[in-house]
Amino acid sequence: MLQLSKIHKVFNEGTPDEKIALDNINLSLKQGDFVTIIGSNGAGKSTLMNLVSGVLQPDTGTVLIGNKDVTYLPEHKRAKLIGRVFQDPMAGTAPTMTIEENLAMAFSRDKRRTLRRGVTKSRREFFKEVLESLHLGLENRFNAKVGLLSGGERQALSLLMATFTEPSILLLDEHTAALDPSRAELITNLTKEIVDKYGLTTLMVTHNMQQAIDLGNRLIMMDKGQIILQFEEEEKKQLTVERLLQEFQKIRGTSMTNDRALLS
């Protein structure tokens, strides 16, 4: 479903600030794979997500979604293939629009544009049904401005908007990091429920090692623009935070003890 081949990306090439952000990345996801990504700050995690979404393009290498080469396809042209939830609950939604208007906008992302009315009776019933699945009472607040929702409510809505059109790829970019522990747990549980329900092919960046272990069927660790560790489903089931730290130290000869990746 997603194939990254020999991806190389350099920022500020030829200057004193040159930085290799991604160094010969090869990664393949099958339909339904849920891959969690951890790594030190500056490891290349966000660059990888931006490259898959089309915000950035590689210097060399190819990006395939399904059998389609999207390497140089701009973000807006691959938007119907990709759902993305960001770290900031304020991102991914339009705060001055209502819940219903936001849902209608997200629902139309992969649809052909027409002059027909945006929200029909049947569509409103569908919106109510999917909102009920969040168990937050938002199905009774269709006309509430999204900017008035709490951070957790807004992130739940963002997750729903990113997934109910069943995109080819779902990108979760530290989407629980800005929430308090109880709301983070809520969004984590919703994530698992929604990904399982639709069988979504998912890439999730997280700073929380335990979350990376608990979610998904595969895990990768990045450092200095490279994938330095990969764990498949059976081995991942036996993983612990301590084991991950030991493996990192074995490969790099240094610890991650001062990094946000340890937070849990």
C-alpha atoms as a PDB file:
ATOM      1  CA  MET A   1       0.000   0.000   0.000  1.00  0.00           C
ATOM      2  CA  LEU A   2       2.889   2.381   0.787  1.00  0.00           C
ATOM      3  CA  GLN A   3       6.356   1.944  -0.661  1.00  0.00           C
ATOM      4  CA  LEU A   4       9.294   4.264   0.043  1.00  0.00           C
ATOM      5  CA  SER A   5      12.393   3.383  -1.965  1.00  0.00           C
ATOM      6  CA  LYS A   6      15.883   4.868  -1.534  1.00  0.00           C
ATOM      7  CA  ILE A   7      14.540   8.149  -0.155  1.00  0.00           C
ATOM      8  CA  HIS A   8      17.142  10.844   0.372  1.00  0.00           C
ATOM      9  CA  LYS A   9      16.429  14.371   1.586  1.00  0.00           C
ATOM     10  CA  VAL A  10      18.940  17.117   2.422  1.00  0.00           C
ATOM     11  CA  PHE A  11      18.185  20.555   3.822  1.00  0.00           C
ATOM     12  CA  ASN A  12      20.431  23.583   3.159  1.00  0.00           C
ATOM     13  CA  GLU A  13      22.655  21.550   0.852  1.00  0.00           C
ATOM     14  CA  GLY A  14      26.080  23.051   0.206  1.00  0.00           C
ATOM     15  CA  THR A  15      25.912  25.433   3.181  1.00  0.00           C
ATOM     16  CA  PRO A  16      27.395  25.253   6.700  1.00  0.00           C
ATOM     17  CA  ASP A  17      23.889  24.344   7.903  1.00  0.00           C
ATOM     18  CA  GLU A  18      23.569  21.304   5.632  1.00  0.00           C
ATOM     19  CA  LYS A  19      21.596  18.508   7.266  1.00  0.00           C
ATOM     20  CA  ILE A  20      20.789  15.070   5.916  1.00  0.00           C
ATOM     21  CA  ALA A  21      17.183  14.649   7.037  1.00  0.00           C
ATOM     22  CA  LEU A  22      16.536  11.257   5.403  1.00  0.00           C
ATOM     23  CA  ASP A  23      19.339   8.942   4.362  1.00  0.00           C
ATOM     24  CA  ASN A  24      18.438   6.108   1.957  1.00  0.00           C
ATOM     25  CA  ILE A  25      15.101   5.254   3.573  1.00  0.00           C
ATOM     26  CA  ASN A  26      13.384   2.051   2.449  1.00  0.00           C
ATOM     27  CA  LEU A  27      10.025   1.233   3.987  1.00  0.00           C
ATOM     28  CA  SER A  28       7.118  -0.904   2.803  1.00  0.00           C
ATOM     29  CA  LEU A  29       3.645  -1.108   4.348  1.00  0.00           C
ATOM     30  CA  LYS A  30       1.059  -3.702   3.380  1.00  0.00           C
ATOM     31  CA  GLN A  31      -2.654  -2.951   3.442  1.00  0.00           C
ATOM     32  CA  GLY A  32      -3.740  -2.694   7.083  1.00  0.00           C
ATOM     33  CA  ASP A  33      -0.242  -2.333   8.579  1.00  0.00           C
ATOM     34  CA  PHE A  34      -0.089   0.004  11.593  1.00  0.00           C
ATOM     35  CA  VAL A  35       3.509   1.154  12.030  1.00  0.00           C
ATOM     36  CA  THR A  36       4.605   3.235  15.010  1.00  0.00           C
ATOM     37  CA  ILE A  37       7.724   5.396  14.675  1.00  0.00           C
ATOM     38  CA  ILE A  38       9.984   6.513  17.515  1.00  0.00           C
ATOM     39  CA  GLY A  39      13.330   8.264  17.623  1.00  0.00           C
ATOM     40  CA  SER A  40      15.374  11.118  19.038  1.00  0.00           C
ATOM     41  CA  ASN A  41      14.609  14.728  18.225  1.00  0.00           C
ATOM     42  CA  GLY A  42      15.889  15.444  14.723  1.00  0.00           C
ATOM     43  CA  ALA A  43      15.824  11.768  13.744  1.00  0.00           C
ATOM     44  CA  GLY A  44      13.786  12.501  10.604  1.00  0.00           C
ATOM     45  CA  LYS A  45      10.341  11.389  11.789  1.00  0.00           C
ATOM     46  CA  SER A  46       8.466  14.562  10.847  1.00  0.00           C
ATOM     47  CA  THR A  47      10.357  14.864   7.564  1.00  0.00           C
ATOM     48  CA  LEU A  48       9.245  11.334   6.709  1.00  0.00           C
ATOM     49  CA  MET A  49       5.608  12.210   7.427  1.00  0.00           C
ATOM     50  CA  ASN A  50       5.832  15.416   5.394  1.00  0.00           C
ATOM     51  CA  LEU A  51       7.323  13.507   2.498  1.00  0.00           C
ATOM     52  CA  VAL A  52       4.531  10.904   2.498  1.00  0.00           C
ATOM     53  CA  SER A  53       1.866  13.628   2.683  1.00  0.00           C
ATOM     54  CA  GLY A  54       3.415  15.696  -0.119  1.00  0.00           C
ATOM     55  CA  VAL A  55       4.451  18.698   1.969  1.00  0.00           C
ATOM     56  CA  LEU A  56       8.026  17.837   0.947  1.00  0.00           C
ATOM     57  CA  GLN A  57       9.494  16.004  -2.029  1.00  0.00           C
ATOM     58  CA  PRO A  58      12.606  13.813  -1.911  1.00  0.00           C
ATOM     59  CA  ASP A  59      15.869  14.750  -3.581  1.00  0.00           C
ATOM     60  CA  THR A  60      16.070  11.171  -4.811  1.00  0.00           C
ATOM     61  CA  GLY A  61      13.930   8.061  -4.408  1.00  0.00           C
ATOM     62  CA  THR A  62      10.303   7.162  -5.029  1.00  0.00           C
ATOM     63  CA  VAL A  63       7.028   7.173  -3.091  1.00  0.00           C
ATOM     64  CA  LEU A  64       4.249   4.792  -4.156  1.00  0.00           C
ATOM     65  CA  ILE A  65       0.740   4.694  -2.709  1.00  0.00           C
ATOM     66  CA  GLY A  66      -0.958   1.591  -3.992  1.00  0.00           C
ATOM     67  CA  ASN A  67       0.480   1.266  -7.471  1.00  0.00           C
ATOM     68  CA  LYS A  68       0.536   5.018  -8.032  1.00  0.00           C
ATOM     69  CA  ASP A  69       3.797   6.964  -8.129  1.00  0.00           C
ATOM     70  CA  VAL A  70       3.124  10.106  -6.057  1.00  0.00           C
ATOM     71  CA  THR A  71       6.770  11.122  -5.565  1.00  0.00           C
ATOM     72  CA  TYR A  72       6.328  14.567  -7.082  1.00  0.00           C
ATOM     73  CA  LEU A  73       2.572  14.896  -6.661  1.00  0.00           C
ATOM     74  CA  PRO A  74       1.834  18.018  -4.548  1.00  0.00           C
ATOM     75  CA  GLU A  75       0.051  17.779  -1.232  1.00  0.00           C
ATOM     76  CA  HIS A  76      -3.362  18.949  -2.460  1.00  0.00           C
ATOM     77  CA  LYS A  77      -3.383  16.377  -5.271  1.00  0.00           C
ATOM     78  CA  ARG A  78      -2.717  13.431  -2.965  1.00  0.00           C
ATOM     79  CA  ALA A  79      -5.028  14.701  -0.183  1.00  0.00           C
ATOM     80  CA  LYS A  80      -7.824  12.322  -1.152  1.00  0.00           C
ATOM     81  CA  LEU A  81      -5.424   9.407  -0.582  1.00  0.00           C
ATOM     82  CA  ILE A  82      -4.204  10.571   2.827  1.00  0.00           C
ATOM     83  CA  GLY A  83      -5.737  11.445   6.185  1.00  0.00           C
ATOM     84  CA  ARG A  84      -3.557  13.252   8.706  1.00  0.00           C
ATOM     85  CA  VAL A  85      -3.917  14.247  12.357  1.00  0.00           C
ATOM     86  CA  PHE A  86      -1.419  16.701  13.804  1.00  0.00           C
ATOM     87  CA  GLN A  87      -0.022  17.240  17.301  1.00  0.00           C
ATOM     88  CA  ASP A  88      -1.783  20.589  17.718  1.00  0.00           C
ATOM     89  CA  PRO A  89      -5.544  20.133  18.390  1.00  0.00           C
ATOM     90  CA  MET A  90      -6.028  23.518  16.701  1.00  0.00           C
ATOM     91  CA  ALA A  91      -4.746  22.119  13.394  1.00  0.00           C
ATOM     92  CA  GLY A  92      -6.774  20.029  10.977  1.00  0.00           C
ATOM     93  CA  THR A  93     -10.097  21.767  11.628  1.00  0.00           C
ATOM     94  CA  ALA A  94     -11.627  25.155  10.818  1.00  0.00           C
ATOM     95  CA  PRO A  95     -12.315  26.810  14.214  1.00  0.00           C
ATOM     96  CA  THR A  96     -14.830  29.391  12.962  1.00  0.00           C
ATOM     97  CA  MET A  97     -16.963  26.743  11.254  1.00  0.00           C
ATOM     98  CA  THR A  98     -19.448  24.442  12.964  1.00  0.00           C
ATOM     99  CA  ILE A  99     -18.953  20.754  13.647  1.00  0.00           C
ATOM    100  CA  GLU A 100     -21.355  19.948  10.827  1.00  0.00           C
ATOM    101  CA  GLU A 101     -19.546  22.244   8.370  1.00  0.00           C
ATOM    102  CA  ASN A 102     -16.173  20.714   9.258  1.00  0.00           C
ATOM    103  CA  LEU A 103     -17.527  17.213   8.748  1.00  0.00           C
ATOM    104  CA  ALA A 104     -19.060  18.176   5.406  1.00  0.00           C
ATOM    105  CA  MET A 105     -15.751  19.629   4.264  1.00  0.00           C
ATOM    106  CA  ALA A 106     -13.839  16.493   5.268  1.00  0.00           C
ATOM    107  CA  PHE A 107     -16.464  14.213   3.723  1.00  0.00           C
ATOM    108  CA  SER A 108     -16.089  15.984   0.367  1.00  0.00           C
ATOM    109  CA  ARG A 109     -12.317  15.596   0.326  1.00  0.00           C
ATOM    110  CA  ASP A 110     -12.372  12.538  -1.910  1.00  0.00           C
ATOM    111  CA  LYS A 111     -15.572  13.434  -3.763  1.00  0.00           C
ATOM    112  CA  ARG A 112     -16.070  15.167  -7.070  1.00  0.00           C
ATOM    113  CA  ARG A 113     -17.029  18.829  -6.607  1.00  0.00           C
ATOM    114  CA  THR A 114     -20.624  19.642  -7.600  1.00  0.00           C
ATOM    115  CA  LEU A 115     -23.155  22.435  -7.099  1.00  0.00           C
ATOM    116  CA  ARG A 116     -25.337  20.207  -4.936  1.00  0.00           C
ATOM    117  CA  ARG A 117     -26.082  21.202  -1.381  1.00  0.00           C
ATOM    118  CA  GLY A 118     -23.272  20.314   1.002  1.00  0.00           C
ATOM    119  CA  VAL A 119     -25.293  18.680   3.798  1.00  0.00           C
ATOM    120  CA  THR A 120     -28.259  16.512   2.866  1.00  0.00           C
ATOM    121  CA  LYS A 121     -30.587  14.766   5.292  1.00  0.00           C
ATOM    122  CA  SER A 122     -28.931  11.390   4.702  1.00  0.00           C
ATOM    123  CA  ARG A 123     -25.481  12.897   5.109  1.00  0.00           C
ATOM    124  CA  ARG A 124     -26.491  14.566   8.367  1.00  0.00           C
ATOM    125  CA  GLU A 125     -27.738  11.217   9.657  1.00  0.00           C
ATOM    126  CA  PHE A 126     -24.396   9.668   8.724  1.00  0.00           C
ATOM    127  CA  PHE A 127     -22.535  12.457  10.544  1.00  0.00           C
ATOM    128  CA  LYS A 128     -24.664  11.869  13.640  1.00  0.00           C
ATOM    129  CA  GLU A 129     -23.881   8.155  13.530  1.00  0.00           C
ATOM    130  CA  VAL A 130     -20.116   8.614  13.285  1.00  0.00           C
ATOM    131  CA  LEU A 131     -20.113  11.305  15.982  1.00  0.00           C
ATOM    132  CA  GLU A 132     -21.990   8.965  18.318  1.00  0.00           C
ATOM    133  CA  SER A 133     -19.090   6.520  17.976  1.00  0.00           C
ATOM    134  CA  LEU A 134     -16.871   9.050  19.806  1.00  0.00           C
ATOM    135  CA  HIS A 135     -19.083   8.916  22.938  1.00  0.00           C
ATOM    136  CA  LEU A 136     -18.502  12.632  23.578  1.00  0.00           C
ATOM    137  CA  GLY A 137     -22.001  13.965  22.948  1.00  0.00           C
ATOM    138  CA  LEU A 138     -20.876  15.891  19.862  1.00  0.00           C
ATOM    139  CA  GLU A 139     -23.791  14.464  17.861  1.00  0.00           C
ATOM    140  CA  ASN A 140     -26.003  16.886  19.809  1.00  0.00           C
ATOM    141  CA  ARG A 141     -23.821  19.904  19.034  1.00  0.00           C
ATOM    142  CA  PHE A 142     -23.865  20.074  15.227  1.00  0.00           C
ATOM    143  CA  ASN A 143     -24.017  23.871  15.247  1.00  0.00           C
ATOM    144  CA  ALA A 144     -21.272  24.452  17.825  1.00  0.00           C
ATOM    145  CA  LYS A 145     -18.195  26.278  16.552  1.00  0.00           C
ATOM    146  CA  VAL A 146     -15.230  23.905  16.562  1.00  0.00           C
ATOM    147  CA  GLY A 147     -13.034  26.596  18.127  1.00  0.00           C
ATOM    148  CA  LEU A 148     -15.146  26.324  21.300  1.00  0.00           C
ATOM    149  CA  LEU A 149     -14.448  22.600  21.783  1.00  0.00           C
ATOM    150  CA  SER A 150     -11.898  21.321  24.272  1.00  0.00           C
ATOM    151  CA  GLY A 151      -8.545  20.082  23.013  1.00  0.00           C
ATOM    152  CA  GLY A 152      -9.562  16.447  23.448  1.00  0.00           C
ATOM    153  CA  GLU A 153     -12.920  16.949  21.725  1.00  0.00           C
ATOM    154  CA  ARG A 154     -11.243  18.723  18.862  1.00  0.00           C
ATOM    155  CA  GLN A 155      -8.585  16.062  18.440  1.00  0.00           C
ATOM    156  CA  ALA A 156     -11.282  13.372  18.448  1.00  0.00           C
ATOM    157  CA  LEU A 157     -13.115  15.299  15.731  1.00  0.00           C
ATOM    158  CA  SER A 158      -9.868  15.664  13.743  1.00  0.00           C
ATOM    159  CA  LEU A 159      -9.289  11.910  13.973  1.00  0.00           C
ATOM    160  CA  LEU A 160     -12.815  11.237  12.781  1.00  0.00           C
ATOM    161  CA  MET A 161     -12.501  13.716   9.900  1.00  0.00           C
ATOM    162  CA  ALA A 162      -9.216  12.163   8.813  1.00  0.00           C
ATOM    163  CA  THR A 163     -10.584   8.625   8.745  1.00  0.00           C
ATOM    164  CA  PHE A 164     -14.269   8.366   7.887  1.00  0.00           C
ATOM    165  CA  THR A 165     -13.550   8.595   4.152  1.00  0.00           C
ATOM    166  CA  GLU A 166     -11.247   5.562   4.642  1.00  0.00           C
ATOM    167  CA  PRO A 167      -8.056   7.052   3.141  1.00  0.00           C
ATOM    168  CA  SER A 168      -5.373   4.863   1.622  1.00  0.00           C
ATOM    169  CA  ILE A 169      -2.876   6.098   4.235  1.00  0.00           C
ATOM    170  CA  LEU A 170      -3.460   7.552   7.715  1.00  0.00           C
ATOM    171  CA  LEU A 171      -0.695   9.725   9.204  1.00  0.00           C
ATOM    172  CA  LEU A 172      -0.732  10.384  12.965  1.00  0.00           C
ATOM    173  CA  ASP A 173       1.871  12.981  13.894  1.00  0.00           C
ATOM    174  CA  GLU A 174       2.263  12.868  17.709  1.00  0.00           C
ATOM    175  CA  HIS A 175      -1.484  13.380  17.843  1.00  0.00           C
ATOM    176  CA  THR A 176      -1.794  12.781  21.610  1.00  0.00           C
ATOM    177  CA  ALA A 177       1.292  14.708  22.744  1.00  0.00           C
ATOM    178  CA  ALA A 178      -0.469  18.021  23.490  1.00  0.00           C
ATOM    179  CA  LEU A 179      -3.281  16.460  25.541  1.00  0.00           C
ATOM    180  CA  ASP A 180      -3.565  15.800  29.271  1.00  0.00           C
ATOM    181  CA  PRO A 181      -3.206  12.121  30.272  1.00  0.00           C
ATOM    182  CA  SER A 182      -6.934  11.332  30.415  1.00  0.00           C
ATOM    183  CA  ARG A 183      -7.646  12.911  27.020  1.00  0.00           C
ATOM    184  CA  ALA A 184      -4.526  11.301  25.554  1.00  0.00           C
ATOM    185  CA  GLU A 185      -5.812   7.905  26.693  1.00  0.00           C
ATOM    186  CA  LEU A 186      -9.207   8.651  25.133  1.00  0.00           C
ATOM    187  CA  ILE A 187      -7.648   9.556  21.767  1.00  0.00           C
ATOM    188  CA  THR A 188      -5.311   6.545  21.913  1.00  0.00           C
ATOM    189  CA  ASN A 189      -8.266   4.204  22.445  1.00  0.00           C
ATOM    190  CA  LEU A 190     -10.260   5.913  19.681  1.00  0.00           C
ATOM    191  CA  THR A 191      -7.282   5.567  17.357  1.00  0.00           C
ATOM    192  CA  LYS A 192      -7.055   1.831  17.905  1.00  0.00           C
ATOM    193  CA  GLU A 193     -10.825   1.431  17.517  1.00  0.00           C
ATOM    194  CA  ILE A 194     -11.037   3.439  14.274  1.00  0.00           C
ATOM    195  CA  VAL A 195      -7.923   1.940  12.664  1.00  0.00           C
ATOM    196  CA  ASP A 196      -9.170  -1.569  13.467  1.00  0.00           C
ATOM    197  CA  LYS A 197     -12.693  -0.795  12.247  1.00  0.00           C
ATOM    198  CA  TYR A 198     -11.610   0.438   8.813  1.00  0.00           C
ATOM    199  CA  GLY A 199      -8.400  -1.607   8.491  1.00  0.00           C
ATOM    200  CA  LEU A 200      -6.461   1.578   7.770  1.00  0.00           C
ATOM    201  CA  THR A 201      -2.824   1.512   6.702  1.00  0.00           C
ATOM    202  CA  THR A 202      -1.274   3.779   9.330  1.00  0.00           C
ATOM    203  CA  LEU A 203       1.994   5.527  10.178  1.00  0.00           C
ATOM    204  CA  MET A 204       2.123   7.012  13.680  1.00  0.00           C
ATOM    205  CA  VAL A 205       4.937   9.139  15.098  1.00  0.00           C
ATOM    206  CA  THR A 206       5.022   9.217  18.885  1.00  0.00           C
ATOM    207  CA  HIS A 207       7.410  10.415  21.591  1.00  0.00           C
ATOM    208  CA  ASN A 208       5.938   7.847  23.973  1.00  0.00           C
ATOM    209  CA  MET A 209       7.795   4.535  23.773  1.00  0.00           C
ATOM    210  CA  GLN A 210       5.139   2.590  25.668  1.00  0.00           C
ATOM    211  CA  GLN A 211       2.442   3.880  23.333  1.00  0.00           C
ATOM    212  CA  ALA A 212       4.583   2.851  20.363  1.00  0.00           C
ATOM    213  CA  ILE A 213       4.841  -0.656  21.800  1.00  0.00           C
ATOM    214  CA  ASP A 214       1.149  -0.951  22.681  1.00  0.00           C
ATOM    215  CA  LEU A 215      -0.282   0.244  19.355  1.00  0.00           C
ATOM    216  CA  GLY A 216       0.097  -1.248  15.909  1.00  0.00           C
ATOM    217  CA  ASN A 217       1.617  -4.402  14.482  1.00  0.00           C
ATOM    218  CA  ARG A 218       5.060  -3.025  13.578  1.00  0.00           C
ATOM    219  CA  LEU A 219       7.546  -0.570  15.100  1.00  0.00           C
ATOM    220  CA  ILE A 220      10.514   1.290  13.642  1.00  0.00           C
ATOM    221  CA  MET A 221      13.160   3.422  15.340  1.00  0.00           C
ATOM    222  CA  MET A 222      14.835   6.289  13.483  1.00  0.00           C
ATOM    223  CA  ASP A 223      18.044   8.146  14.206  1.00  0.00           C
ATOM    224  CA  LYS A 224      19.990  10.673  12.145  1.00  0.00           C
ATOM    225  CA  GLY A 225      17.750  10.228   9.132  1.00  0.00           C
ATOM    226  CA  GLN A 226      17.993   6.435   9.074  1.00  0.00           C
ATOM    227  CA  ILE A 227      15.796   3.529  10.127  1.00  0.00           C
ATOM    228  CA  ILE A 228      18.064   1.773  12.611  1.00  0.00           C
ATOM    229  CA  LEU A 229      15.631  -0.785  14.057  1.00  0.00           C
ATOM    230  CA  GLN A 230      12.521  -2.574  12.830  1.00  0.00           C
ATOM    231  CA  PHE A 231      10.317  -4.948  14.796  1.00  0.00           C
ATOM    232  CA  GLU A 232       7.659  -7.067  13.127  1.00  0.00           C
ATOM    233  CA  GLU A 233       4.460  -8.183  14.810  1.00  0.00           C
ATOM    234  CA  GLU A 234       5.572 -11.248  16.774  1.00  0.00           C
ATOM    235  CA  GLU A 235       8.793  -9.693  18.055  1.00  0.00           C
ATOM    236  CA  LYS A 236       6.992  -6.463  18.859  1.00  0.00           C
ATOM    237  CA  LYS A 237       4.667  -8.304  21.220  1.00  0.00           C
ATOM    238  CA  GLN A 238       7.686  -9.107  23.419  1.00  0.00           C
ATOM    239  CA  LEU A 239       9.120  -5.568  23.408  1.00  0.00           C
ATOM    240  CA  THR A 240       9.672  -3.406  26.476  1.00  0.00           C
ATOM    241  CA  VAL A 241      10.892   0.167  26.823  1.00  0.00           C
ATOM    242  CA  GLU A 242      14.066  -1.160  28.452  1.00  0.00           C
ATOM    243  CA  ARG A 243      14.745  -3.428  25.473  1.00  0.00           C
ATOM    244  CA  LEU A 244      14.323  -0.519  23.048  1.00  0.00           C
ATOM    245  CA  LEU A 245      16.772   1.610  25.019  1.00  0.00           C
ATOM    246  CA  GLN A 246      19.282  -1.219  25.131  1.00  0.00           C
ATOM    247  CA  GLU A 247      19.008  -1.793  21.377  1.00  0.00           C
ATOM    248  CA  PHE A 248      19.529   1.903  20.675  1.00  0.00           C
ATOM    249  CA  GLN A 249      22.586   2.043  22.901  1.00  0.00           C
ATOM    250  CA  LYS A 250      23.992  -1.104  21.287  1.00  0.00           C
ATOM    251  CA  ILE A 251      23.705   0.418  17.801  1.00  0.00           C
ATOM    252  CA  ARG A 252      24.692   4.027  18.521  1.00  0.00           C
ATOM    253  CA  GLY A 253      26.908   3.613  21.579  1.00  0.00           C
ATOM    254  CA  THR A 254      24.983   6.302  23.457  1.00  0.00           C
ATOM    255  CA  SER A 255      21.795   6.474  25.495  1.00  0.00           C
ATOM    256  CA  MET A 256      18.481   8.239  24.905  1.00  0.00           C
ATOM    257  CA  THR A 257      18.025   9.087  28.575  1.00  0.00           C
ATOM    258  CA  ASN A 258      17.699  12.841  28.006  1.00  0.00           C
ATOM    259  CA  ASP A 259      15.291  12.622  25.089  1.00  0.00           C
ATOM    260  CA  ARG A 260      11.538  13.202  24.892  1.00  0.00           C
ATOM    261  CA  ALA A 261      11.210   9.673  23.513  1.00  0.00           C
ATOM    262  CA  LEU A 262      11.379   8.406  27.100  1.00  0.00           C
ATOM    263  CA  LEU A 263       8.267  10.225  28.241  1.00  0.00           C
ATOM    264  CA  SER A 264       5.311   8.016  29.014  1.00  0.00           C
END
